C-alpha cells in the first residue's frame, strides 16, 4: 500500500529528527521551517505523529504469503 510506505517514510524522517535532537540538541525541522512554534513546523510534527500512529497498525496486520510454490 502506498499510504503505508508514505507513513513509514515520514516516521523514519521523524526518527532521524529525534536522533538529531537527542545526540546534538539540534531540531532539523525547526531549523528548516523557522522554529518549533512556527505553523509549518507544528503541521509537520502533527503529520509525523499521525504517521506514527498509522504505523502502529503495521505491527498487527497479517502478511499474505506472496511466494508461489511451483
Protein backbone atom coordinates (compact mmCIF):
# COMPACT_ATOMS: atom_id res chain seq x y z
CA UNK A 1 0.00 0.00 0.00
CA UNK A 2 1.28 3.42 -0.91
CA UNK A 3 -0.11 5.01 2.27
CA UNK A 4 1.92 2.56 4.37
CA UNK A 5 5.11 3.50 2.53
CA UNK A 6 4.48 7.23 2.87
CA UNK A 7 3.72 6.85 6.57
CA UNK A 8 6.83 4.74 7.12
CA UNK A 9 8.99 7.25 5.24
CA UNK A 10 7.72 10.14 7.37
CA UNK A 11 8.19 8.14 10.57
CA UNK A 12 11.80 7.48 9.55
CA UNK A 13 12.29 11.22 8.95
CA UNK A 14 10.81 11.87 12.40
CA UNK A 15 13.14 9.30 13.95
CA UNK A 16 16.15 10.95 12.33
CA UNK A 17 14.98 14.31 13.67
CA UNK A 18 14.57 12.87 17.18
CA UNK A 19 18.03 11.32 16.90
CA UNK A 20 19.48 14.70 15.98
CA UNK A 21 17.71 16.26 18.98
CA UNK A 22 18.97 13.56 21.33
CA UNK A 23 22.55 13.47 20.10
CA UNK A 24 23.22 17.04 19.05
CA UNK A 25 20.38 19.10 20.57
CA UNK A 26 19.54 20.15 17.01
CA UNK A 27 15.94 20.16 15.74
CA UNK A 28 16.22 19.86 11.97
CA UNK A 29 12.52 20.54 11.32
CA UNK A 30 12.57 23.68 13.45
CA UNK A 31 15.77 24.84 11.78
CA UNK A 32 14.36 24.40 8.27
CA UNK A 33 10.92 25.88 8.96
CA UNK A 34 11.64 28.72 11.37
CA UNK A 35 11.42 27.36 14.91
CA UNK A 36 9.34 24.90 16.87
CA UNK A 37 6.44 27.32 17.25
CA UNK A 38 6.21 28.09 13.53
CA UNK A 39 2.96 26.94 11.96
CA UNK A 40 4.69 24.85 9.28
CA UNK A 41 6.85 23.08 11.89
CA UNK A 42 3.80 22.30 14.00
CA UNK A 43 1.99 20.91 10.95
CA UNK A 44 4.96 18.69 10.12
CA UNK A 45 5.20 17.46 13.73
CA UNK A 46 1.49 16.63 13.64
CA UNK A 47 1.72 14.80 10.31
CA UNK A 48 4.68 12.74 11.54
CA UNK A 49 2.77 11.90 14.73
CA UNK A 50 -0.26 10.78 12.71
CA UNK A 51 2.00 8.65 10.52
CA UNK A 52 3.49 7.10 13.65
CA UNK A 53 0.01 6.21 14.85
CA UNK A 54 -0.77 4.75 11.41
CA UNK A 55 2.41 2.64 11.51
CA UNK A 56 1.24 1.01 14.74
CA UNK A 57 -1.31 -0.79 12.59
CA UNK A 58 1.53 -2.33 10.58
CA UNK A 59 2.51 -4.34 13.65
CA UNK A 60 -0.87 -6.06 13.81
CA UNK A 61 -1.59 -6.76 10.16
CA UNK A 62 -1.45 -10.20 8.70
CA UNK A 63 1.06 -10.70 5.95
CA UNK A 64 -0.07 -12.61 2.89
CA UNK A 65 2.43 -15.13 1.61
CA UNK A 66 3.36 -13.84 -1.81
CA UNK A 67 5.57 -16.75 -2.68
CA UNK A 68 4.32 -19.23 -5.17
CA UNK A 69 5.16 -22.88 -4.92
CA UNK A 70 5.56 -24.47 -8.30
